[in-house]
């Protein structure tokens, strides 16, 4: 089902095992947003993303909002800023079905010294299906832990 990808979108090669298992994810750069542009994340809804009503599972859509917010906020700085989600609020507006191409459009509302605030709209075609906002803590870069021998 993921073979019909809109022009300008490229395969996103980012995220751990959890995000990879939900994908493939795609992105494109919206060059109308800021001097560096801003990422739009997207995915084609598949049967495996649905609930018993055969519409996109709410937990999946919430994951999409959190993922899009996190990637855009992190990518807004050079080098990318490590972050963690502090708070996430979502609003379900309507449903998405298998075959729908869902895009996540993010606006960074404020980047402070310790916290970042951003909002997101999930859209399919001309319909907004979900809105969300998040607060993110700006973190120091991760240093790998040593693995115990044995």
N, C-alpha and C. Protein backbone atom coordinates (compact mmCIF):
# COMPACT_ATOMS: atom_id res chain seq x y z
N UNK A 1 0.81 -1.19 0.00
CA UNK A 1 0.00 0.00 0.00
C UNK A 1 0.86 1.26 0.00
N UNK A 2 2.11 1.19 0.43
CA UNK A 2 2.97 2.36 0.55
C UNK A 2 3.64 2.76 -0.76
N UNK A 3 3.23 2.19 -1.88
CA UNK A 3 3.93 2.45 -3.13
C UNK A 3 3.54 3.79 -3.77
N UNK A 4 2.39 4.36 -3.44
CA UNK A 4 1.94 5.60 -4.05
C UNK A 4 2.31 6.79 -3.15
N UNK A 5 3.54 7.28 -3.33
CA UNK A 5 4.08 8.34 -2.48
C UNK A 5 4.02 9.66 -3.25
N UNK A 6 3.43 10.71 -2.66
CA UNK A 6 3.36 12.00 -3.35
C UNK A 6 4.73 12.56 -3.70
N UNK A 7 4.78 13.31 -4.77
CA UNK A 7 6.02 13.90 -5.25
C UNK A 7 6.67 14.77 -4.18
N UNK A 8 7.98 14.69 -4.09
CA UNK A 8 8.74 15.51 -3.16
C UNK A 8 9.03 14.83 -1.84
N UNK A 9 8.33 13.74 -1.53
CA UNK A 9 8.57 13.03 -0.28
C UNK A 9 9.66 11.99 -0.45
N UNK A 10 10.49 11.87 0.58
CA UNK A 10 11.59 10.90 0.59
C UNK A 10 11.44 10.01 1.81
N UNK A 11 12.02 8.83 1.74
CA UNK A 11 11.99 7.87 2.85
C UNK A 11 12.76 8.45 4.03
N UNK A 12 12.16 8.42 5.20
CA UNK A 12 12.80 8.90 6.43
C UNK A 12 13.58 7.75 7.04
N UNK A 13 14.86 7.95 7.23
CA UNK A 13 15.71 6.93 7.83
C UNK A 13 16.14 7.44 9.20
N UNK A 14 15.20 7.37 10.14
CA UNK A 14 15.44 7.90 11.48
C UNK A 14 14.51 7.19 12.44
N UNK A 15 14.93 7.09 13.67
CA UNK A 15 14.08 6.49 14.70
C UNK A 15 14.58 5.11 15.06
N UNK A 16 14.16 4.66 16.20
CA UNK A 16 14.55 3.34 16.68
C UNK A 16 13.63 2.26 16.16
N UNK A 17 13.69 1.11 16.81
CA UNK A 17 12.92 -0.05 16.39
C UNK A 17 11.42 0.18 16.39
N UNK A 18 10.92 0.93 17.37
CA UNK A 18 9.48 1.17 17.46
C UNK A 18 8.98 1.94 16.25
N UNK A 19 9.61 3.07 15.95
CA UNK A 19 9.16 3.86 14.80
C UNK A 19 9.33 3.10 13.49
N UNK A 20 10.43 2.39 13.36
CA UNK A 20 10.67 1.61 12.15
C UNK A 20 9.56 0.58 11.95
N UNK A 21 9.09 -0.02 13.04
CA UNK A 21 8.05 -1.05 12.92
C UNK A 21 6.70 -0.46 12.46
N UNK A 22 6.50 0.82 12.65
CA UNK A 22 5.24 1.46 12.25
C UNK A 22 5.29 2.01 10.83
N UNK A 23 6.47 2.15 10.26
CA UNK A 23 6.66 2.80 8.97
C UNK A 23 6.41 1.89 7.80
N UNK A 24 6.79 2.35 6.61
CA UNK A 24 7.78 3.39 6.36
C UNK A 24 7.21 4.80 6.55
N UNK A 25 8.08 5.68 7.06
CA UNK A 25 7.79 7.10 7.25
C UNK A 25 8.44 7.88 6.12
N UNK A 26 7.86 9.01 5.77
CA UNK A 26 8.38 9.85 4.70
C UNK A 26 8.47 11.29 5.19
N UNK A 27 9.24 12.09 4.47
CA UNK A 27 9.36 13.50 4.82
C UNK A 27 9.60 14.32 3.56
N UNK A 28 9.30 15.59 3.68
CA UNK A 28 9.73 16.56 2.68
C UNK A 28 10.01 17.85 3.42
N UNK A 29 10.77 18.72 2.79
CA UNK A 29 11.12 19.99 3.38
C UNK A 29 10.16 21.06 2.88
N UNK A 30 9.51 21.75 3.80
CA UNK A 30 8.66 22.89 3.46
C UNK A 30 9.53 24.13 3.51
N UNK A 31 9.96 24.59 2.35
CA UNK A 31 10.91 25.70 2.26
C UNK A 31 10.27 27.05 2.53
N UNK A 32 8.95 27.09 2.71
CA UNK A 32 8.29 28.35 3.04
C UNK A 32 8.38 28.66 4.53
N UNK A 33 8.90 27.71 5.32
CA UNK A 33 8.99 27.88 6.78
C UNK A 33 10.43 28.14 7.19
N UNK A 34 10.76 29.37 7.45
CA UNK A 34 12.08 29.71 7.98
C UNK A 34 13.16 29.63 6.93
N UNK A 35 14.35 30.08 7.32
CA UNK A 35 15.46 30.11 6.37
C UNK A 35 15.98 28.72 6.02
N UNK A 36 15.86 27.76 6.96
CA UNK A 36 16.31 26.39 6.70
C UNK A 36 15.18 25.48 6.25
N UNK A 37 13.96 25.99 6.27
CA UNK A 37 12.82 25.15 5.95
C UNK A 37 12.42 24.32 7.15
N UNK A 38 11.38 23.53 6.99
CA UNK A 38 10.91 22.70 8.08
C UNK A 38 10.37 21.39 7.53
N UNK A 39 10.59 20.31 8.25
CA UNK A 39 10.17 19.01 7.80
C UNK A 39 8.67 18.81 7.94
N UNK A 40 8.08 18.13 6.97
CA UNK A 40 6.72 17.62 7.05
C UNK A 40 6.88 16.10 7.04
N UNK A 41 6.40 15.43 8.08
CA UNK A 41 6.45 13.98 8.13
C UNK A 41 5.14 13.41 7.62
N UNK A 42 5.18 12.22 7.03
CA UNK A 42 3.96 11.63 6.47
C UNK A 42 4.06 10.11 6.48
N UNK A 43 2.89 9.50 6.41
CA UNK A 43 2.81 8.05 6.34
C UNK A 43 1.51 7.67 5.62
N UNK A 44 1.51 6.56 4.95
CA UNK A 44 0.29 6.03 4.33
C UNK A 44 -0.34 5.08 5.34
N UNK A 45 -1.60 5.32 5.70
CA UNK A 45 -2.28 4.46 6.66
C UNK A 45 -2.50 3.08 6.03
N UNK A 46 -2.10 2.06 6.78
CA UNK A 46 -2.26 0.68 6.34
C UNK A 46 -3.20 -0.05 7.30
N UNK A 47 -3.65 -1.24 6.91
CA UNK A 47 -4.53 -2.04 7.77
C UNK A 47 -3.93 -2.26 9.15
N UNK A 48 -2.62 -2.43 9.22
CA UNK A 48 -1.98 -2.71 10.51
C UNK A 48 -2.00 -1.51 11.45
N UNK A 49 -2.35 -0.34 10.95
CA UNK A 49 -2.45 0.87 11.77
C UNK A 49 -3.86 1.08 12.32
N UNK A 50 -4.79 0.17 12.02
CA UNK A 50 -6.20 0.40 12.34
C UNK A 50 -6.64 -0.31 13.61
N UNK A 51 -7.80 0.13 14.10
CA UNK A 51 -8.43 -0.50 15.25
C UNK A 51 -9.57 -1.41 14.78
N UNK A 52 -10.41 -1.85 15.70
CA UNK A 52 -11.49 -2.78 15.36
C UNK A 52 -12.53 -2.15 14.43
N UNK A 53 -12.59 -0.82 14.40
CA UNK A 53 -13.53 -0.11 13.51
C UNK A 53 -12.94 0.11 12.11
N UNK A 54 -11.72 -0.36 11.92
CA UNK A 54 -11.00 -0.26 10.65
C UNK A 54 -10.70 1.20 10.27
N UNK A 55 -10.41 2.00 11.29
CA UNK A 55 -9.90 3.36 11.10
C UNK A 55 -8.57 3.44 11.85
N UNK A 56 -7.77 4.46 11.53
CA UNK A 56 -6.46 4.58 12.16
C UNK A 56 -6.61 4.60 13.68
N UNK A 57 -5.85 3.76 14.36
CA UNK A 57 -5.89 3.66 15.82
C UNK A 57 -5.45 4.98 16.44
N UNK A 58 -6.18 5.42 17.45
CA UNK A 58 -5.86 6.68 18.12
C UNK A 58 -4.44 6.70 18.66
N UNK A 59 -3.98 5.59 19.21
CA UNK A 59 -2.61 5.53 19.73
C UNK A 59 -1.58 5.72 18.64
N UNK A 60 -1.87 5.21 17.46
CA UNK A 60 -0.96 5.41 16.34
C UNK A 60 -0.90 6.89 15.95
N UNK A 61 -2.06 7.54 15.89
CA UNK A 61 -2.09 8.96 15.53
C UNK A 61 -1.38 9.82 16.58
N UNK A 62 -1.55 9.48 17.86
CA UNK A 62 -0.85 10.20 18.92
C UNK A 62 0.66 10.00 18.77
N UNK A 63 1.08 8.78 18.45
CA UNK A 63 2.50 8.52 18.20
C UNK A 63 3.01 9.36 17.05
N UNK A 64 2.19 9.50 16.01
CA UNK A 64 2.59 10.30 14.86
C UNK A 64 2.78 11.77 15.25
N UNK A 65 1.87 12.31 16.06
CA UNK A 65 1.99 13.70 16.52
C UNK A 65 3.26 13.86 17.35
N UNK A 66 3.49 12.97 18.32
CA UNK A 66 4.67 13.06 19.19
C UNK A 66 5.95 12.95 18.37
N UNK A 67 5.97 12.03 17.43
CA UNK A 67 7.15 11.82 16.58
C UNK A 67 7.44 13.06 15.74
N UNK A 68 6.42 13.58 15.08
CA UNK A 68 6.61 14.76 14.22
C UNK A 68 7.07 15.96 15.04
N UNK A 69 6.41 16.21 16.16
CA UNK A 69 6.83 17.32 17.02
C UNK A 69 8.28 17.17 17.43
N UNK A 70 8.64 15.98 17.90
CA UNK A 70 10.00 15.74 18.37
C UNK A 70 11.05 15.90 17.29
N UNK A 71 10.80 15.35 16.12
CA UNK A 71 11.79 15.43 15.04
C UNK A 71 11.95 16.88 14.57
N UNK A 72 10.84 17.60 14.43
CA UNK A 72 10.94 18.99 13.95
C UNK A 72 11.62 19.86 14.99
N UNK A 73 11.26 19.73 16.26
CA UNK A 73 11.90 20.54 17.29
C UNK A 73 13.39 20.21 17.36
N UNK A 74 13.73 18.94 17.38
CA UNK A 74 15.14 18.52 17.43
C UNK A 74 15.92 19.04 16.24
N UNK A 75 15.32 18.95 15.06
CA UNK A 75 16.00 19.34 13.81
C UNK A 75 16.08 20.84 13.61
N UNK A 76 15.41 21.60 14.45
CA UNK A 76 15.38 23.05 14.25
C UNK A 76 16.69 23.73 14.66
N UNK A 77 17.55 23.00 15.32
CA UNK A 77 18.85 23.55 15.73
C UNK A 77 19.97 22.80 15.02
N UNK A 78 21.09 23.48 14.91
CA UNK A 78 22.26 22.87 14.27
C UNK A 78 23.42 22.91 15.26
N UNK A 79 23.93 21.76 15.71
CA UNK A 79 23.47 20.41 15.37
C UNK A 79 22.11 20.13 16.01
N UNK A 80 21.44 19.05 15.57
CA UNK A 80 20.14 18.73 16.15
C UNK A 80 20.20 18.65 17.67
N UNK A 81 19.16 19.16 18.31
CA UNK A 81 19.07 19.25 19.77
C UNK A 81 18.42 17.99 20.33
N UNK A 82 19.11 17.26 21.21
CA UNK A 82 18.44 16.13 21.87
C UNK A 82 17.30 16.66 22.76
N UNK A 83 16.14 15.99 22.72
CA UNK A 83 14.99 16.42 23.50
C UNK A 83 14.24 15.21 24.05
N UNK A 84 13.40 15.45 25.03
CA UNK A 84 12.45 14.44 25.51
C UNK A 84 11.10 15.13 25.69
N UNK A 85 10.04 14.37 25.49
CA UNK A 85 8.69 14.90 25.65
C UNK A 85 8.38 15.08 27.13
N UNK A 86 7.92 16.27 27.49
CA UNK A 86 7.51 16.58 28.86
C UNK A 86 5.99 16.50 28.97
N UNK A 87 5.30 17.02 27.97
CA UNK A 87 3.84 17.06 27.97
C UNK A 87 3.35 16.96 26.54
N UNK A 88 2.24 16.25 26.36
CA UNK A 88 1.65 16.09 25.03
C UNK A 88 0.14 16.13 25.17
N UNK A 89 -0.50 17.00 24.39
CA UNK A 89 -1.95 17.12 24.38
C UNK A 89 -2.42 16.91 22.95
N UNK A 90 -3.44 16.07 22.77
CA UNK A 90 -3.95 15.81 21.42
C UNK A 90 -5.47 15.95 21.41
N UNK A 91 -5.98 16.26 20.23
CA UNK A 91 -7.42 16.41 20.01
C UNK A 91 -7.81 15.65 18.75
N UNK A 92 -8.68 14.66 18.91
CA UNK A 92 -9.18 13.90 17.76
C UNK A 92 -10.30 14.68 17.11
N UNK A 93 -10.22 14.89 15.79
CA UNK A 93 -11.23 15.67 15.08
C UNK A 93 -12.06 14.77 14.17
N UNK A 94 -11.39 13.94 13.39
CA UNK A 94 -12.10 12.97 12.55
C UNK A 94 -11.15 11.80 12.32
N UNK A 95 -11.58 10.83 11.57
CA UNK A 95 -10.79 9.61 11.42
C UNK A 95 -10.00 9.58 10.11
N UNK A 96 -9.04 8.67 10.07
CA UNK A 96 -8.28 8.37 8.86
C UNK A 96 -8.45 6.88 8.59
N UNK A 97 -8.44 6.52 7.32
CA UNK A 97 -8.69 5.14 6.91
C UNK A 97 -7.50 4.59 6.13
N UNK A 98 -7.43 3.26 6.01
CA UNK A 98 -6.36 2.68 5.19
C UNK A 98 -6.36 3.30 3.80
N UNK A 99 -5.17 3.62 3.33
CA UNK A 99 -5.01 4.27 2.03
C UNK A 99 -4.82 5.76 2.14
N UNK A 100 -5.27 6.37 3.24
CA UNK A 100 -5.09 7.82 3.42
C UNK A 100 -3.62 8.15 3.60
N UNK A 101 -3.19 9.21 2.95
CA UNK A 101 -1.85 9.77 3.13
C UNK A 101 -1.98 10.84 4.22
N UNK A 102 -1.33 10.65 5.35
CA UNK A 102 -1.46 11.56 6.48
C UNK A 102 -0.14 12.32 6.66
N UNK A 103 -0.24 13.63 6.66
CA UNK A 103 0.93 14.50 6.85
C UNK A 103 0.85 15.19 8.19
N UNK A 104 2.01 15.36 8.81
CA UNK A 104 2.12 16.08 10.08
C UNK A 104 2.80 17.42 9.82
N UNK A 105 2.06 18.49 10.05
CA UNK A 105 2.56 19.86 9.87
C UNK A 105 2.80 20.46 11.25
N UNK A 106 4.03 20.88 11.51
CA UNK A 106 4.44 21.34 12.84
C UNK A 106 4.81 22.81 12.80
N UNK A 107 4.43 23.53 13.85
CA UNK A 107 4.86 24.90 14.09
C UNK A 107 5.58 24.94 15.42
N UNK A 108 6.78 25.51 15.42
CA UNK A 108 7.49 25.70 16.69
C UNK A 108 6.97 27.01 17.27
N UNK A 109 6.36 26.91 18.44
CA UNK A 109 5.75 28.08 19.07
C UNK A 109 6.77 28.88 19.89
N UNK A 110 7.70 28.18 20.53
CA UNK A 110 8.72 28.88 21.32
C UNK A 110 9.87 27.92 21.62
N UNK A 111 11.10 28.42 21.43
CA UNK A 111 12.30 27.68 21.82
C UNK A 111 12.97 28.47 22.93
N UNK A 112 12.94 27.94 24.13
CA UNK A 112 13.59 28.60 25.25
C UNK A 112 14.95 27.98 25.51
N UNK A 113 15.52 28.31 26.65
CA UNK A 113 16.81 27.76 27.02
C UNK A 113 16.73 26.33 27.54
N UNK A 114 15.57 25.98 28.16
CA UNK A 114 15.40 24.63 28.71
C UNK A 114 14.21 23.88 28.13
N UNK A 115 13.23 24.62 27.61
CA UNK A 115 12.01 24.00 27.10
C UNK A 115 11.67 24.53 25.71
N UNK A 116 11.04 23.67 24.93
CA UNK A 116 10.54 24.05 23.61
C UNK A 116 9.04 23.73 23.56
N UNK A 117 8.29 24.57 22.86
CA UNK A 117 6.84 24.40 22.73
C UNK A 117 6.51 24.34 21.24
N UNK A 118 5.70 23.37 20.87
CA UNK A 118 5.36 23.22 19.45
C UNK A 118 3.94 22.67 19.31
N UNK A 119 3.35 22.91 18.13
CA UNK A 119 2.02 22.41 17.85
C UNK A 119 2.02 21.70 16.49
N UNK A 120 1.04 20.83 16.31
CA UNK A 120 1.02 19.96 15.12
C UNK A 120 -0.42 19.78 14.64
N UNK A 121 -0.55 19.66 13.32
CA UNK A 121 -1.82 19.28 12.69
C UNK A 121 -1.56 18.06 11.83
N UNK A 122 -2.37 17.02 12.01
CA UNK A 122 -2.34 15.88 11.10
C UNK A 122 -3.43 16.11 10.07
N UNK A 123 -3.06 16.05 8.79
CA UNK A 123 -4.01 16.29 7.72
C UNK A 123 -3.96 15.16 6.70
N UNK A 124 -5.11 14.89 6.12
CA UNK A 124 -5.19 14.00 4.97
C UNK A 124 -6.03 14.72 3.92
N UNK A 125 -5.42 15.01 2.80
CA UNK A 125 -6.08 15.84 1.80
C UNK A 125 -6.32 17.22 2.39
N UNK A 126 -7.57 17.66 2.39
CA UNK A 126 -7.91 18.97 2.95
C UNK A 126 -8.48 18.86 4.36
N UNK A 127 -8.56 17.65 4.90
CA UNK A 127 -9.15 17.43 6.22
C UNK A 127 -8.09 17.41 7.32
N UNK A 128 -8.32 18.15 8.39
CA UNK A 128 -7.51 18.03 9.59
C UNK A 128 -8.12 16.92 10.42
N UNK A 129 -7.32 15.90 10.75
CA UNK A 129 -7.86 14.77 11.51
C UNK A 129 -7.48 14.82 12.98
N UNK A 130 -6.40 15.55 13.32
CA UNK A 130 -5.97 15.64 14.70
C UNK A 130 -5.13 16.89 14.88
N UNK A 131 -5.20 17.48 16.06
CA UNK A 131 -4.28 18.55 16.42
C UNK A 131 -3.59 18.12 17.70
N UNK A 132 -2.45 18.71 17.95
CA UNK A 132 -1.73 18.38 19.17
C UNK A 132 -0.71 19.45 19.49
N UNK A 133 -0.29 19.46 20.73
CA UNK A 133 0.77 20.37 21.14
C UNK A 133 1.63 19.66 22.17
N UNK A 134 2.89 20.07 22.22
CA UNK A 134 3.81 19.43 23.14
C UNK A 134 4.80 20.39 23.74
N UNK A 135 5.31 19.99 24.89
CA UNK A 135 6.40 20.69 25.56
C UNK A 135 7.55 19.69 25.61
N UNK A 136 8.75 20.16 25.27
CA UNK A 136 9.91 19.29 25.19
C UNK A 136 11.06 19.87 26.00
N UNK A 137 11.73 19.02 26.76
CA UNK A 137 12.91 19.44 27.50
C UNK A 137 14.12 19.30 26.60
N UNK A 138 14.93 20.34 26.55
CA UNK A 138 16.16 20.31 25.77
C UNK A 138 17.22 19.61 26.61
N UNK A 139 17.85 18.59 26.03
CA UNK A 139 18.77 17.73 26.77
C UNK A 139 20.20 17.88 26.27
N UNK A 140 21.13 17.42 27.09
CA UNK A 140 22.52 17.32 26.66
C UNK A 140 22.64 16.12 25.74
N UNK A 141 23.65 16.13 24.86
CA UNK A 141 23.84 14.95 23.99
C UNK A 141 24.04 13.68 24.80
N UNK A 142 23.57 12.58 24.26
CA UNK A 142 23.70 11.29 24.91
C UNK A 142 25.11 10.77 24.74
N UNK A 143 25.67 10.25 25.80
CA UNK A 143 26.96 9.56 25.71
C UNK A 143 26.72 8.08 25.93
N UNK A 144 27.23 7.24 25.04
CA UNK A 144 26.98 5.81 25.16
C UNK A 144 27.50 5.25 26.49
N UNK A 145 26.69 4.35 27.07
CA UNK A 145 27.11 3.69 28.30
C UNK A 145 28.00 2.52 27.95
N UNK A 146 28.94 2.25 28.84
CA UNK A 146 29.76 1.05 28.64
C UNK A 146 28.93 -0.16 28.96
N UNK A 147 29.09 -1.19 28.15
CA UNK A 147 28.39 -2.44 28.37
C UNK A 147 29.23 -3.33 29.27
N UNK A 148 28.62 -3.96 30.29
CA UNK A 148 29.39 -4.84 31.17
C UNK A 148 29.91 -6.05 30.39
N UNK A 149 31.07 -6.51 30.78
CA UNK A 149 31.64 -7.71 30.15
C UNK A 149 30.85 -8.93 30.60
N UNK A 150 30.78 -9.90 29.70
CA UNK A 150 30.24 -11.18 30.12
C UNK A 150 28.99 -11.49 29.50
